[in-house]
N, C-alpha and C. Protein backbone atom coordinates (compact mmCIF):
# COMPACT_ATOMS: atom_id res chain seq x y z
N MET A 1 -24.32 -28.72 3.82
CA MET A 1 -24.37 -29.13 2.43
C MET A 1 -23.05 -28.74 1.77
N PRO A 2 -22.45 -29.65 1.01
CA PRO A 2 -21.19 -29.31 0.31
C PRO A 2 -21.39 -28.15 -0.66
N THR A 3 -20.31 -27.45 -0.91
CA THR A 3 -20.38 -26.25 -1.75
C THR A 3 -20.93 -26.55 -3.14
N ALA A 4 -20.50 -27.65 -3.76
CA ALA A 4 -20.98 -27.97 -5.11
C ALA A 4 -22.49 -28.16 -5.12
N ALA A 5 -23.01 -28.80 -4.09
CA ALA A 5 -24.46 -29.01 -4.00
C ALA A 5 -25.18 -27.68 -3.80
N ARG A 6 -24.60 -26.80 -2.98
CA ARG A 6 -25.21 -25.47 -2.76
C ARG A 6 -25.24 -24.68 -4.06
N ILE A 7 -24.18 -24.79 -4.84
CA ILE A 7 -24.12 -24.09 -6.12
C ILE A 7 -25.18 -24.63 -7.07
N ASP A 8 -25.36 -25.94 -7.08
CA ASP A 8 -26.40 -26.53 -7.93
C ASP A 8 -27.78 -26.02 -7.53
N VAL A 9 -28.02 -25.89 -6.22
CA VAL A 9 -29.30 -25.38 -5.74
C VAL A 9 -29.48 -23.93 -6.18
N LEU A 10 -28.41 -23.14 -6.05
CA LEU A 10 -28.50 -21.74 -6.48
C LEU A 10 -28.84 -21.63 -7.96
N LEU A 11 -28.20 -22.44 -8.77
CA LEU A 11 -28.48 -22.41 -10.21
C LEU A 11 -29.91 -22.84 -10.49
N SER A 12 -30.40 -23.82 -9.75
CA SER A 12 -31.79 -24.26 -9.93
C SER A 12 -32.77 -23.15 -9.55
N VAL A 13 -32.47 -22.46 -8.47
CA VAL A 13 -33.33 -21.36 -8.04
C VAL A 13 -33.33 -20.25 -9.09
N LEU A 14 -32.15 -19.92 -9.61
CA LEU A 14 -32.09 -18.88 -10.65
C LEU A 14 -32.86 -19.30 -11.90
N ASN A 15 -32.77 -20.56 -12.26
CA ASN A 15 -33.51 -21.03 -13.43
C ASN A 15 -35.01 -20.96 -13.20
N ALA A 16 -35.44 -21.03 -11.94
CA ALA A 16 -36.86 -20.97 -11.61
C ALA A 16 -37.40 -19.54 -11.60
N THR A 17 -36.54 -18.56 -11.85
CA THR A 17 -37.01 -17.17 -11.86
C THR A 17 -37.62 -16.77 -13.20
N ASP A 18 -37.81 -17.73 -14.08
CA ASP A 18 -38.44 -17.45 -15.37
C ASP A 18 -39.96 -17.37 -15.26
N VAL A 19 -40.51 -18.00 -14.23
CA VAL A 19 -41.96 -18.06 -14.10
C VAL A 19 -42.38 -17.69 -12.69
N GLY A 20 -43.62 -17.27 -12.58
CA GLY A 20 -44.19 -16.98 -11.27
C GLY A 20 -44.46 -15.51 -11.09
N PRO A 21 -45.17 -15.22 -10.01
CA PRO A 21 -45.46 -13.82 -9.69
C PRO A 21 -44.18 -13.06 -9.34
N LEU A 22 -44.19 -11.77 -9.54
CA LEU A 22 -42.99 -10.96 -9.29
C LEU A 22 -42.49 -11.09 -7.85
N ASP A 23 -43.41 -11.16 -6.90
CA ASP A 23 -43.00 -11.31 -5.50
C ASP A 23 -42.24 -12.61 -5.29
N SER A 24 -42.69 -13.66 -5.94
CA SER A 24 -42.04 -14.96 -5.82
C SER A 24 -40.65 -14.94 -6.45
N VAL A 25 -40.54 -14.30 -7.60
CA VAL A 25 -39.24 -14.19 -8.27
C VAL A 25 -38.28 -13.38 -7.41
N ALA A 26 -38.75 -12.28 -6.84
CA ALA A 26 -37.91 -11.46 -5.97
C ALA A 26 -37.48 -12.24 -4.74
N ASP A 27 -38.38 -13.04 -4.17
CA ASP A 27 -38.03 -13.86 -3.01
C ASP A 27 -36.95 -14.88 -3.35
N LYS A 28 -37.06 -15.47 -4.53
CA LYS A 28 -36.04 -16.43 -4.97
C LYS A 28 -34.68 -15.76 -5.11
N LEU A 29 -34.68 -14.56 -5.66
CA LEU A 29 -33.42 -13.83 -5.81
C LEU A 29 -32.83 -13.45 -4.45
N ARG A 30 -33.68 -13.11 -3.51
CA ARG A 30 -33.20 -12.80 -2.16
C ARG A 30 -32.60 -14.05 -1.51
N GLN A 31 -33.21 -15.20 -1.78
CA GLN A 31 -32.67 -16.46 -1.28
C GLN A 31 -31.28 -16.70 -1.86
N VAL A 32 -31.13 -16.46 -3.15
CA VAL A 32 -29.82 -16.59 -3.80
C VAL A 32 -28.83 -15.61 -3.17
N GLN A 33 -29.27 -14.40 -2.92
CA GLN A 33 -28.41 -13.38 -2.32
C GLN A 33 -27.88 -13.85 -0.96
N GLU A 34 -28.76 -14.38 -0.13
CA GLU A 34 -28.34 -14.84 1.20
C GLU A 34 -27.38 -16.03 1.11
N GLU A 35 -27.66 -16.95 0.20
CA GLU A 35 -26.77 -18.10 0.02
C GLU A 35 -25.39 -17.65 -0.45
N LEU A 36 -25.36 -16.66 -1.34
CA LEU A 36 -24.08 -16.16 -1.82
C LEU A 36 -23.29 -15.50 -0.68
N ARG A 37 -23.97 -14.81 0.19
CA ARG A 37 -23.29 -14.24 1.36
C ARG A 37 -22.72 -15.36 2.22
N GLY A 38 -23.47 -16.46 2.36
CA GLY A 38 -23.00 -17.61 3.11
C GLY A 38 -21.82 -18.30 2.48
N LEU A 39 -21.70 -18.17 1.17
CA LEU A 39 -20.56 -18.74 0.45
C LEU A 39 -19.39 -17.77 0.36
N ASP A 40 -19.49 -16.66 1.08
CA ASP A 40 -18.46 -15.61 1.08
C ASP A 40 -18.22 -15.04 -0.32
N GLN A 41 -19.33 -14.71 -0.98
CA GLN A 41 -19.31 -14.10 -2.30
C GLN A 41 -20.09 -12.78 -2.26
N PRO A 42 -19.57 -11.78 -1.53
CA PRO A 42 -20.34 -10.54 -1.35
C PRO A 42 -20.61 -9.78 -2.65
N ALA A 43 -19.69 -9.81 -3.60
CA ALA A 43 -19.91 -9.09 -4.86
C ALA A 43 -21.07 -9.71 -5.63
N LEU A 44 -21.13 -11.03 -5.66
CA LEU A 44 -22.24 -11.69 -6.35
C LEU A 44 -23.55 -11.49 -5.58
N ALA A 45 -23.47 -11.48 -4.26
CA ALA A 45 -24.67 -11.21 -3.45
C ALA A 45 -25.21 -9.82 -3.75
N ASP A 46 -24.31 -8.86 -3.87
CA ASP A 46 -24.73 -7.50 -4.21
C ASP A 46 -25.40 -7.46 -5.58
N ARG A 47 -24.87 -8.23 -6.51
CA ARG A 47 -25.44 -8.27 -7.86
C ARG A 47 -26.85 -8.87 -7.82
N ALA A 48 -27.05 -9.87 -6.96
CA ALA A 48 -28.39 -10.43 -6.80
C ALA A 48 -29.34 -9.37 -6.25
N GLY A 49 -28.85 -8.55 -5.33
CA GLY A 49 -29.65 -7.45 -4.81
C GLY A 49 -30.00 -6.45 -5.89
N GLU A 50 -29.06 -6.20 -6.78
CA GLU A 50 -29.33 -5.30 -7.90
C GLU A 50 -30.39 -5.88 -8.84
N ALA A 51 -30.38 -7.20 -9.00
CA ALA A 51 -31.40 -7.84 -9.84
C ALA A 51 -32.79 -7.66 -9.22
N VAL A 52 -32.86 -7.79 -7.90
CA VAL A 52 -34.14 -7.58 -7.21
C VAL A 52 -34.61 -6.13 -7.42
N ALA A 53 -33.69 -5.19 -7.27
CA ALA A 53 -34.04 -3.77 -7.44
C ALA A 53 -34.51 -3.50 -8.87
N ALA A 54 -33.85 -4.09 -9.86
CA ALA A 54 -34.25 -3.91 -11.25
C ALA A 54 -35.65 -4.47 -11.47
N LEU A 55 -35.92 -5.62 -10.88
CA LEU A 55 -37.24 -6.23 -11.02
C LEU A 55 -38.31 -5.34 -10.39
N GLN A 56 -38.01 -4.80 -9.23
CA GLN A 56 -38.99 -3.97 -8.53
C GLN A 56 -39.29 -2.67 -9.26
N ARG A 57 -38.32 -2.14 -9.98
CA ARG A 57 -38.58 -0.90 -10.71
C ARG A 57 -39.06 -1.16 -12.15
N GLY A 58 -39.20 -2.45 -12.49
CA GLY A 58 -39.74 -2.81 -13.80
C GLY A 58 -38.73 -2.78 -14.93
N ASP A 59 -37.44 -2.80 -14.62
CA ASP A 59 -36.39 -2.79 -15.63
C ASP A 59 -36.05 -4.23 -16.00
N LEU A 60 -36.88 -4.79 -16.88
CA LEU A 60 -36.75 -6.19 -17.24
C LEU A 60 -35.42 -6.50 -17.93
N ALA A 61 -34.95 -5.59 -18.77
CA ALA A 61 -33.68 -5.83 -19.47
C ALA A 61 -32.52 -5.95 -18.46
N GLU A 62 -32.47 -5.06 -17.48
CA GLU A 62 -31.42 -5.13 -16.47
C GLU A 62 -31.57 -6.37 -15.60
N PHE A 63 -32.81 -6.73 -15.27
CA PHE A 63 -33.05 -7.95 -14.50
C PHE A 63 -32.50 -9.17 -15.23
N LYS A 64 -32.80 -9.26 -16.52
CA LYS A 64 -32.33 -10.40 -17.31
C LYS A 64 -30.80 -10.42 -17.40
N ARG A 65 -30.19 -9.24 -17.56
CA ARG A 65 -28.72 -9.16 -17.60
C ARG A 65 -28.12 -9.64 -16.28
N ALA A 66 -28.69 -9.17 -15.18
CA ALA A 66 -28.17 -9.53 -13.86
C ALA A 66 -28.33 -11.03 -13.61
N ARG A 67 -29.47 -11.58 -13.99
CA ARG A 67 -29.69 -13.02 -13.80
C ARG A 67 -28.72 -13.84 -14.64
N ALA A 68 -28.51 -13.46 -15.88
CA ALA A 68 -27.57 -14.18 -16.75
C ALA A 68 -26.14 -14.08 -16.19
N PHE A 69 -25.78 -12.89 -15.70
CA PHE A 69 -24.46 -12.70 -15.09
C PHE A 69 -24.29 -13.63 -13.89
N LEU A 70 -25.32 -13.67 -13.02
CA LEU A 70 -25.25 -14.54 -11.84
C LEU A 70 -25.15 -16.00 -12.23
N GLN A 71 -25.94 -16.43 -13.20
CA GLN A 71 -25.88 -17.82 -13.63
C GLN A 71 -24.48 -18.18 -14.13
N SER A 72 -23.88 -17.28 -14.88
CA SER A 72 -22.55 -17.53 -15.40
C SER A 72 -21.51 -17.59 -14.29
N LYS A 73 -21.50 -16.59 -13.43
CA LYS A 73 -20.48 -16.51 -12.37
C LYS A 73 -20.65 -17.61 -11.33
N ILE A 74 -21.89 -17.94 -10.97
CA ILE A 74 -22.12 -19.00 -10.01
C ILE A 74 -21.71 -20.35 -10.59
N GLY A 75 -21.95 -20.55 -11.86
CA GLY A 75 -21.51 -21.77 -12.51
C GLY A 75 -20.00 -21.96 -12.45
N HIS A 76 -19.27 -20.86 -12.45
CA HIS A 76 -17.80 -20.94 -12.38
C HIS A 76 -17.29 -21.17 -10.96
N LEU A 77 -18.15 -21.07 -9.96
CA LEU A 77 -17.71 -21.29 -8.59
C LEU A 77 -17.43 -22.76 -8.29
N ARG A 78 -17.96 -23.64 -9.11
CA ARG A 78 -17.73 -25.08 -8.89
C ARG A 78 -16.28 -25.31 -8.97
């Protein structure tokens, strides 16, 4: 899949983290993390991991910050 299409998928997955059970949201973030590693973006992948950790410890404010950061930075990868 071309990089632009992969980025669009990542953004769609991140947008889908607004709803669903916590396990599902965490799984989506892990999917984003793996895709970012595949795109050779280790710093962003680490940030996705931090978002998962924030979600698991119930730090909703940090989770939202991390998700917004990822959406912004991934959007600039195009």
